[in-house]
Structure formats: structure tokens, C-alpha cells
Amino acid sequence: MNAKNRIIALDMLRGYALVVIMVDHMPIGVLRGYTLGRFAVFDAAELFVLLSGFLVGLVWLNVERSQGRRAAQIRFLRRAVQVWLALVVGSVLMALLSRGLFEAGMNHTAIWSQYARWVVEYPIGYLVTIGTLWMQPNLIDVLALYVVMLVLTPLSVPLMLRNPWIFAAGSVALWAVSVPLNEMIPNHRSEGGMLFNPFAWQMLFHSGVAMGLFRTRFMPVLRRHATPITVVMLAIGLSMAVLSQLWRFGPDGQVLMEQIKEAIGPVDKWSLDSIRYISIIAAAWLVAVPFARPMEWLAGTWLGRSLAVIGRGGLISFVACVMLSVLGDALMMMDGASQFSYRLSVDIWTVVALWLVAEIAARQSRKRRVAQPG
């Protein structure tokens, strides 16, 4: 895959992750029945976190080589602040939109209804609970995880560069005790802790960082054994795909699924169980190696380029996907709006609207760069 299409493919996958996050949170949507999570044991959240980590590794290397380590550390601290601001602003806008929809008689279930009440009745309290991460509103909650990861990046990445294997061992050890550690974090949830357990999800994020940092070192070695690795990864991918479909086979399929879970362990998204982790890593290998050429072709199509626009939209795209998910859910739940064709049209409209927001943001960004002196 050439360098240009490699970047487009990465942006395309980021855009796809955002589209899936959006449509998956519209409970009666049509397209949600055909997204990643319906055919695998992981979903767009894992894809988003892994890609985010990979980009951190890529950018860190470039900045450190050209400007030094301190510049890289400062850059990612600034990025953490930007993501935190997007979390706060997005949470407020989402709650205000929800309030407006309820006032207009448009019910929706994509997010918890209490946000709409709290943002108006207790605006300062709402801001404080969001800003301190004491509460992470659903749908935008993965940004809270991203904030934590980015704040630690100025320390974690240098440690990884210095002793990658020791860092990896520490990451796995932290994941192993992640559940009790997360329960100790003060939070609005009765069981305590963040919804996306940061002590668990750090392993996937740092796996992505390692891929970005060390890919030029380990990929030549791994490619020497590409065939057996691909066979193993295909076997994992197909097995997990079958596992994800057992529920479709009625009571017998569900019984078999429970038996398999007892044998391999629980499948828990919020604490990133080993099955989900192994599955997304297997998928990453398949996309990067045996399916690299199909991905290159797809990145060059109008669909791939459109998704890449969304992916490059970054935080603007993320906040827009959250808002459109709430709005799309409300439109689908209107009286007499349950027809398949109508729900599908709303799905398509939200995807197009998300692309339009990202495209406008990209054009504005280009204009600002052109207007800058020098």
C-alpha cells in the first residue's frame, strides 16, 4: 500500500468507526443491524481506541524526531486539553439538544433523559461533574477514556520507548487487576469507576501506540512468518465471528454460547475482556497484511474518500456524530415513523450530514492555513 493510500485508509477506518458509533446508538435504526458489532465480538469502540493509539505513536515519532521529546510531550498535553474541552462542550450540547427535543415532544432513548434535566436545572453542577470526569454521559463517554490516556502519554510513551517489553508486561499486569482498581475511582455510577475501565482499555490503547512506534522494527520480522500468522489470525477471526452469531440460532445457540463463554471466560466490553482484545488485534493484522490491497482499493473509492473526510474531522466529527445520533433517534421515534424505508432514510441522512459537517470543517481549516502568513 503506498503512503498516500495508507493514510487515506487509516482516516477511512477512523471515519467508519465514527459512523458506526453514531448509527449503533440509534436503537431502532436499520443500518445498526449491519455494523461491525453484529458480525464480530468487538465493535467500533475498540476500533476507535486502537486507531487513536496508533496515531499517537505515529505523531509522537514525527514530532520527537523533528522537534524533540519535550515538544512531543507538550503537544499531547495540549491535545488532552482539546479532547477534554470536546468532552465538556459535546456533553453540554448533547444535553441541550436532548432538552430541546423533549420540549418539542420528540422522545428519544439514545442517551439518558436525566442529562436534559440536569443541564438546565443544575447547569454548574452538570459542568463540574463532566469536567471532573465524575460523570461521563453515555455516547460521548469514550472521550473521557481518551482524555485519561492522553494525559498519561507524556510519561507512558517515553517509558515504552525505553523498555518496551517491561512496559508491555506492566500493561498486561494492570489489565489483570483492572476491575477492582476501576471500582476505586469516585464516580456517579453505583458500582463505581468509569464505564470504559481505563486500567483495562489502556492495554488496547498502548497496543496501538506500540504499533505506531515500532512498526518499522517488528513488521519486517513478522512478515517473514506472514503465512502462519495469517492462518492463526483468520482462525481467530472466523471463530469469533461464529461466536457473535450464535444468538441468531435460538435457545440452542444461546446455550452453546453460554457454554463457550464458561470455557473461555466472560465477554465484557467495559473491562475489555481477552476475547475482544485478541479479536481486534487479529483483525488489525488481517487488515494490515493479507487484506492490504483490498483496503487500498477501498480507500480510493468515493465511499472510502468520504469516510476519510469524516475520519480527518477528528473531534468535530465526533461531537457531530453524537448530536446526529440523538437527533436521528428522535426522528425515528416520532409517531407514525416506524416504517423501514423512513428509518433507513434517517440513517442515510445522518451519515450524509456527518460527512457534510466534516467536509465544511475541512474546507474552513484549509482556508485558515492559506490565510496564515508564510
Protein backbone atom coordinates (compact mmCIF):
# COMPACT_ATOMS: atom_id res chain seq x y z
CA MET A 1 0.00 0.00 0.00
CA ASN A 2 1.52 3.33 -0.99
CA ALA A 3 1.99 6.07 1.61
CA LYS A 4 -0.87 8.24 0.38
CA ASN A 5 -3.46 5.46 0.35
CA ARG A 6 -2.14 4.15 3.66
CA ILE A 7 -3.05 7.44 5.31
CA ILE A 8 -6.39 7.59 3.48
CA ALA A 9 -7.15 4.03 4.63
CA LEU A 10 -6.36 5.00 8.22
CA ASP A 11 -8.63 8.03 8.00
CA MET A 12 -11.27 5.85 6.32
CA LEU A 13 -11.25 3.42 9.24
CA ARG A 14 -11.49 6.29 11.72
CA GLY A 15 -14.45 7.66 9.77
CA TYR A 16 -16.08 4.24 9.67
CA ALA A 17 -15.68 3.93 13.44
CA LEU A 18 -17.45 7.27 13.96
CA VAL A 19 -20.28 6.35 11.58
CA VAL A 20 -20.78 3.06 13.40
CA ILE A 21 -20.75 4.75 16.81
CA MET A 22 -23.46 7.08 15.51
CA VAL A 23 -25.80 4.52 13.94
CA ASP A 24 -25.28 1.93 16.70
CA HIS A 25 -26.73 4.36 19.23
CA MET A 26 -29.99 4.80 17.33
CA PRO A 27 -31.88 1.86 18.85
CA ILE A 28 -34.44 1.33 16.08
CA GLY A 29 -32.22 2.25 13.15
CA VAL A 30 -31.82 -0.02 10.16
CA LEU A 31 -28.10 0.26 9.49
CA ARG A 32 -27.16 -0.72 13.05
CA GLY A 33 -28.14 -4.26 12.11
CA TYR A 34 -25.26 -4.37 9.62
CA THR A 35 -22.42 -2.72 11.51
CA LEU A 36 -19.20 -4.22 12.85
CA GLY A 37 -20.61 -5.26 16.21
CA ARG A 38 -23.22 -7.51 14.57
CA PHE A 39 -20.55 -9.68 12.92
CA ALA A 40 -17.72 -9.62 15.47
CA VAL A 41 -17.27 -9.81 19.23
CA PHE A 42 -15.85 -6.28 19.26
CA ASP A 43 -17.32 -3.05 17.92
CA ALA A 44 -16.42 0.49 16.86
CA ALA A 45 -15.21 1.45 20.34
CA GLU A 46 -12.27 -0.96 20.13
CA LEU A 47 -11.53 0.20 16.60
CA PHE A 48 -11.60 3.86 17.69
CA VAL A 49 -9.27 3.30 20.67
CA LEU A 50 -6.79 1.15 18.74
CA LEU A 51 -6.60 3.65 15.88
CA SER A 52 -6.25 6.53 18.35
CA GLY A 53 -3.30 4.80 19.97
CA PHE A 54 -1.73 4.07 16.58
CA LEU A 55 -1.99 7.74 15.60
CA VAL A 56 -0.43 8.78 18.90
CA GLY A 57 2.55 6.55 18.12
CA LEU A 58 2.90 7.90 14.58
CA VAL A 59 2.64 11.54 15.57
CA TRP A 60 4.91 11.14 18.60
CA LEU A 61 7.72 9.73 16.45
CA ASN A 62 7.43 12.52 13.89
CA VAL A 63 7.34 15.30 16.47
CA GLU A 64 10.16 13.86 18.59
CA ARG A 65 12.42 13.41 15.57
CA SER A 66 11.83 16.91 14.25
CA GLN A 67 11.36 18.97 17.43
CA GLY A 68 12.47 16.84 20.36
CA ARG A 69 10.79 14.86 23.13
CA ARG A 70 9.68 17.87 25.17
CA ALA A 71 7.80 19.23 22.16
CA ALA A 72 6.03 15.88 21.76
CA GLN A 73 5.08 15.85 25.45
CA ILE A 74 3.71 19.39 25.29
CA ARG A 75 1.81 18.59 22.10
CA PHE A 76 -0.02 15.66 23.64
CA LEU A 77 -0.81 17.55 26.84
CA ARG A 78 -2.41 20.20 24.65
CA ARG A 79 -4.27 17.50 22.79
CA ALA A 80 -5.56 16.11 26.09
CA VAL A 81 -6.95 19.56 26.91
CA GLN A 82 -8.59 19.75 23.48
CA VAL A 83 -10.24 16.37 23.95
CA TRP A 84 -11.35 17.36 27.46
CA LEU A 85 -12.92 20.54 26.06
CA ALA A 86 -14.65 18.49 23.36
CA LEU A 87 -15.99 16.17 26.08
CA VAL A 88 -17.36 19.09 28.12
CA VAL A 89 -18.75 21.09 25.19
CA GLY A 90 -20.13 17.98 23.49
CA SER A 91 -21.82 16.85 26.71
CA VAL A 92 -23.47 20.24 27.13
CA LEU A 93 -24.60 20.48 23.50
CA MET A 94 -25.90 16.92 23.60
CA ALA A 95 -27.89 17.58 26.77
CA LEU A 96 -29.29 20.86 25.42
CA LEU A 97 -30.31 19.14 22.18
CA SER A 98 -31.99 16.43 24.21
CA ARG A 99 -33.82 19.06 26.27
CA GLY A 100 -34.99 20.85 23.13
CA LEU A 101 -36.24 17.61 21.61
CA PHE A 102 -38.18 16.71 24.76
CA GLU A 103 -39.67 20.21 24.86
CA ALA A 104 -40.77 19.69 21.25
CA GLY A 105 -42.43 16.40 22.19
CA MET A 106 -39.79 14.28 20.43
CA ASN A 107 -38.90 11.35 22.65
CA HIS A 108 -35.56 9.57 22.29
CA THR A 109 -33.60 6.89 24.09
CA ALA A 110 -30.10 7.22 22.61
CA ILE A 111 -28.95 8.94 25.82
CA TRP A 112 -30.16 9.08 29.41
CA SER A 113 -33.05 11.52 29.79
CA GLN A 114 -31.71 13.00 33.04
CA TYR A 115 -28.96 14.89 31.19
CA ALA A 116 -31.65 17.08 29.61
CA ARG A 117 -33.00 17.96 33.05
CA TRP A 118 -29.70 18.48 34.84
CA VAL A 119 -28.14 20.76 32.21
CA VAL A 120 -30.98 23.26 32.71
CA GLU A 121 -31.84 22.81 36.38
CA TYR A 122 -28.28 22.38 37.66
CA PRO A 123 -26.01 23.84 34.93
CA ILE A 124 -22.98 24.47 37.17
CA GLY A 125 -23.24 21.06 38.78
CA TYR A 126 -23.58 19.43 35.37
CA LEU A 127 -20.45 21.21 34.11
CA VAL A 128 -18.46 20.30 37.21
CA THR A 129 -19.42 16.62 37.12
CA ILE A 130 -18.48 16.41 33.44
CA GLY A 131 -15.30 18.46 33.78
CA THR A 132 -14.01 16.37 36.68
CA LEU A 133 -14.96 13.13 34.86
CA TRP A 134 -17.14 12.21 37.83
CA MET A 135 -19.84 11.60 35.24
CA GLN A 136 -19.32 10.53 31.63
CA PRO A 137 -22.56 10.79 29.63
CA ASN A 138 -23.20 7.75 27.50
CA LEU A 139 -22.46 8.05 23.79
CA ILE A 140 -19.64 10.54 24.41
CA ASP A 141 -18.08 8.61 27.30
CA VAL A 142 -15.22 7.14 25.25
CA LEU A 143 -13.75 10.66 25.10
CA ALA A 144 -13.29 10.53 28.88
CA LEU A 145 -11.15 7.42 28.41
CA TYR A 146 -9.22 9.20 25.66
CA VAL A 147 -8.53 12.17 27.96
CA VAL A 148 -7.03 9.88 30.61
CA MET A 149 -4.86 8.09 28.06
CA LEU A 150 -3.58 11.34 26.53
CA VAL A 151 -2.80 12.95 29.88
CA LEU A 152 -0.55 9.99 30.68
CA THR A 153 1.07 9.89 27.23
CA PRO A 154 3.98 12.26 28.09
CA LEU A 155 5.04 9.68 30.70
CA SER A 156 3.89 6.41 29.15
CA VAL A 157 5.39 6.82 25.67
CA PRO A 158 8.96 7.59 26.87
CA LEU A 159 8.72 4.57 29.19
CA MET A 160 7.56 2.42 26.29
CA LEU A 161 10.39 3.65 24.08
CA ARG A 162 12.96 2.95 26.79
CA ASN A 163 11.80 -0.53 27.84
CA PRO A 164 9.01 -1.80 25.53
CA TRP A 165 8.88 -5.36 26.90
CA ILE A 166 8.83 -4.26 30.53
CA PHE A 167 6.14 -1.74 29.66
CA ALA A 168 4.11 -4.46 27.92
CA ALA A 169 4.37 -6.71 30.98
CA GLY A 170 3.23 -3.86 33.22
CA SER A 171 0.32 -3.09 30.90
CA VAL A 172 -0.87 -6.70 31.00
CA ALA A 173 -0.47 -6.82 34.79
CA LEU A 174 -2.52 -3.63 35.14
CA TRP A 175 -5.23 -5.09 32.89
CA ALA A 176 -5.34 -8.24 35.04
CA VAL A 177 -6.32 -6.24 38.15
CA SER A 178 -8.28 -3.59 36.29
CA VAL A 179 -11.74 -4.35 37.69
CA PRO A 180 -11.01 -3.74 41.41
CA LEU A 181 -8.84 -0.74 40.54
CA ASN A 182 -11.60 0.85 38.49
CA GLU A 183 -14.12 0.34 41.29
CA MET A 184 -11.97 2.59 43.47
CA ILE A 185 -12.40 5.61 41.19
CA PRO A 186 -15.05 8.02 42.59
CA ASN A 187 -17.90 8.15 40.14
CA HIS A 188 -21.64 8.72 39.82
CA ARG A 189 -22.21 5.05 38.95
CA SER A 190 -23.44 2.95 41.87
CA GLU A 191 -20.78 0.30 41.20
CA GLY A 192 -18.08 2.98 40.99
CA GLY A 193 -15.45 3.57 38.36
CA MET A 194 -15.55 4.80 34.77
CA LEU A 195 -17.74 2.96 32.27
CA PHE A 196 -14.75 2.42 29.97
CA ASN A 197 -12.37 0.95 32.55
CA PRO A 198 -9.12 2.91 31.92
CA PHE A 199 -6.98 0.28 33.66
CA ALA A 200 -8.21 -2.28 31.14
CA TRP A 201 -8.56 -0.21 27.98
CA GLN A 202 -5.04 1.18 28.40
CA MET A 203 -3.77 -2.18 27.10
CA LEU A 204 -5.56 -1.74 23.76
CA PHE A 205 -4.60 1.93 23.51
CA HIS A 206 -0.95 1.19 24.25
CA SER A 207 -1.01 -1.70 21.79
CA GLY A 208 -1.96 0.85 19.16
CA VAL A 209 0.77 3.21 20.37
CA ALA A 210 3.32 0.40 20.11
CA MET A 211 2.18 -0.36 16.56
CA GLY A 212 2.76 3.26 15.61
CA LEU A 213 6.12 3.50 17.38
CA PHE A 214 7.71 0.18 16.45
CA ARG A 215 6.04 -0.89 13.21
CA THR A 216 9.20 -0.39 11.16
CA ARG A 217 11.04 -2.71 13.56
CA PHE A 218 8.63 -5.59 14.06
CA MET A 219 6.70 -5.71 10.78
CA PRO A 220 9.70 -6.90 8.69
CA VAL A 221 10.22 -9.69 11.22
CA LEU A 222 6.55 -10.65 11.33
CA ARG A 223 6.24 -10.58 7.54
CA ARG A 224 8.80 -13.38 7.32
CA HIS A 225 6.21 -15.54 9.04
CA ALA A 226 3.17 -13.90 7.44
CA THR A 227 1.53 -17.12 6.23
CA PRO A 228 1.30 -18.99 9.56
CA ILE A 229 0.39 -15.77 11.41
CA THR A 230 -2.37 -15.06 8.89
CA VAL A 231 -3.73 -18.60 9.25
CA VAL A 232 -3.90 -18.18 13.03
CA MET A 233 -5.47 -14.74 12.79
CA LEU A 234 -8.03 -15.95 10.26
CA ALA A 235 -8.93 -18.83 12.54
CA ILE A 236 -9.38 -16.42 15.44
CA GLY A 237 -11.43 -14.04 13.33
CA LEU A 238 -13.72 -16.73 11.95
CA SER A 239 -14.18 -18.34 15.36
CA MET A 240 -15.14 -15.06 16.94
CA ALA A 241 -17.47 -14.26 14.04
CA VAL A 242 -19.24 -17.58 14.59
CA LEU A 243 -19.45 -16.88 18.33
CA SER A 244 -21.02 -13.50 17.65
CA GLN A 245 -23.75 -15.13 15.53
CA LEU A 246 -24.81 -17.96 17.87
CA TRP A 247 -27.62 -15.87 19.34
CA ARG A 248 -29.34 -15.98 15.95
CA PHE A 249 -29.91 -19.74 16.31
CA GLY A 250 -32.47 -19.52 19.08
CA PRO A 251 -32.29 -21.14 22.52
CA ASP A 252 -29.87 -23.86 21.41
CA GLY A 253 -27.46 -21.27 20.06
CA GLN A 254 -27.68 -19.24 23.25
CA VAL A 255 -27.00 -22.31 25.38
CA LEU A 256 -23.93 -23.12 23.27
CA MET A 257 -22.78 -19.51 23.56
CA GLU A 258 -23.00 -19.66 27.35
CA GLN A 259 -21.06 -22.92 27.40
CA ILE A 260 -18.33 -21.38 25.26
CA LYS A 261 -18.18 -18.31 27.50
CA GLU A 262 -17.76 -20.55 30.54
CA ALA A 263 -14.82 -22.21 28.81
CA ILE A 264 -13.06 -19.08 27.52
CA GLY A 265 -14.13 -16.56 30.13
CA PRO A 266 -16.61 -13.66 30.22
CA VAL A 267 -17.07 -11.29 27.29
CA ASP A 268 -17.19 -7.87 28.94
CA LYS A 269 -16.78 -4.79 26.78
CA TRP A 270 -16.35 -2.28 29.60
CA SER A 271 -13.40 -4.09 31.16
CA LEU A 272 -12.02 -5.20 27.78
CA ASP A 273 -12.04 -8.96 28.14
CA SER A 274 -9.30 -11.01 26.49
CA ILE A 275 -11.63 -12.26 23.73
CA ARG A 276 -12.40 -8.76 22.49
CA TYR A 277 -8.74 -7.76 22.74
CA ILE A 278 -7.44 -10.77 20.82
CA SER A 279 -10.17 -10.37 18.20
CA ILE A 280 -9.37 -6.72 17.41
CA ILE A 281 -5.63 -7.47 17.27
CA ALA A 282 -6.33 -10.35 14.85
CA ALA A 283 -8.50 -8.05 12.73
CA ALA A 284 -5.73 -5.41 12.71
CA TRP A 285 -3.25 -7.96 11.30
CA LEU A 286 -5.69 -9.10 8.64
CA VAL A 287 -6.41 -5.54 7.53
CA ALA A 288 -2.74 -4.53 7.52
CA VAL A 289 -1.27 -7.58 5.79
CA PRO A 290 -3.41 -10.03 3.74
CA PHE A 291 -6.18 -7.51 3.04
CA ALA A 292 -3.88 -4.53 2.49
CA ARG A 293 -4.54 -4.32 -1.24
CA PRO A 294 -8.35 -4.50 -0.93
CA MET A 295 -8.11 -1.79 1.71
CA GLU A 296 -6.01 0.32 -0.65
CA TRP A 297 -8.62 -0.12 -3.37
CA LEU A 298 -11.47 0.72 -0.99
CA ALA A 299 -9.64 3.82 0.23
CA GLY A 300 -9.59 5.10 -3.33
CA THR A 301 -13.32 4.72 -3.92
CA TRP A 302 -15.83 7.53 -3.33
CA LEU A 303 -17.04 5.70 -0.22
CA GLY A 304 -13.52 5.37 1.16
CA ARG A 305 -12.72 9.01 0.44
CA SER A 306 -15.99 10.13 2.03
CA LEU A 307 -15.29 8.13 5.19
CA ALA A 308 -11.76 9.54 5.22
CA VAL A 309 -13.21 13.07 5.29
CA ILE A 310 -15.19 12.10 8.39
CA GLY A 311 -12.12 10.49 9.95
CA ARG A 312 -9.99 13.58 9.39
CA GLY A 313 -12.69 15.67 11.06
CA GLY A 314 -11.41 14.47 14.43
CA LEU A 315 -13.19 15.94 17.44
CA ILE A 316 -15.59 17.96 15.31
CA SER A 317 -16.72 14.76 13.63
CA PHE A 318 -17.04 13.02 16.99
CA VAL A 319 -19.23 15.70 18.56
CA ALA A 320 -21.29 15.87 15.38
CA CYS A 321 -21.81 12.10 15.36
CA VAL A 322 -23.07 12.28 18.95
CA MET A 323 -25.52 15.08 18.16
CA LEU A 324 -26.77 13.41 14.99
CA SER A 325 -27.26 10.12 16.79
CA VAL A 326 -29.57 11.78 19.33
CA LEU A 327 -31.42 13.70 16.61
CA GLY A 328 -31.73 10.67 14.36
CA ASP A 329 -33.08 8.58 17.21
CA ALA A 330 -35.71 11.24 17.95
CA LEU A 331 -36.77 11.42 14.29
CA MET A 332 -37.21 7.65 14.15
CA MET A 333 -39.34 7.60 17.29
CA MET A 334 -41.90 10.11 16.02
CA ASP A 335 -45.49 8.87 15.83
CA GLY A 336 -46.15 7.02 12.61
CA ALA A 337 -42.49 6.97 11.65
CA SER A 338 -41.75 3.29 12.19
CA GLN A 339 -41.66 2.25 8.53
CA PHE A 340 -38.49 0.54 7.37
CA SER A 341 -37.98 2.97 4.48
CA TYR A 342 -38.33 6.01 6.74
CA ARG A 343 -35.91 4.68 9.34
CA LEU A 344 -33.41 3.82 6.62
CA SER A 345 -33.73 7.30 5.14
CA VAL A 346 -32.99 8.82 8.56
CA ASP A 347 -29.93 6.58 8.87
CA ILE A 348 -28.68 7.71 5.47
CA TRP A 349 -29.45 11.35 6.24
CA THR A 350 -27.39 11.26 9.46
CA VAL A 351 -24.41 9.72 7.64
CA VAL A 352 -24.57 12.33 4.88
CA ALA A 353 -24.97 15.11 7.46
CA LEU A 354 -21.93 13.85 9.35
CA TRP A 355 -19.89 13.87 6.14
CA LEU A 356 -21.13 17.40 5.35
CA VAL A 357 -20.07 18.70 8.78
CA ALA A 358 -16.62 17.14 8.36
CA GLU A 359 -16.29 18.49 4.81
CA ILE A 360 -17.21 22.02 5.89
CA ALA A 361 -14.74 21.80 8.78
CA ALA A 362 -12.01 20.59 6.40
CA ARG A 363 -12.63 23.46 3.98
CA GLN A 364 -12.55 26.01 6.78
CA SER A 365 -9.29 24.50 8.02
CA ARG A 366 -7.75 24.77 4.54
CA LYS A 367 -8.84 28.41 4.27
CA ARG A 368 -7.21 29.23 7.60
CA ARG A 369 -3.96 27.59 6.55
CA VAL A 370 -3.93 29.52 3.27
CA ALA A 371 -4.66 32.78 5.10
CA GLN A 372 -1.78 32.30 7.53
CA PRO A 373 1.28 34.40 6.64
CA GLY A 374 4.35 32.49 5.49
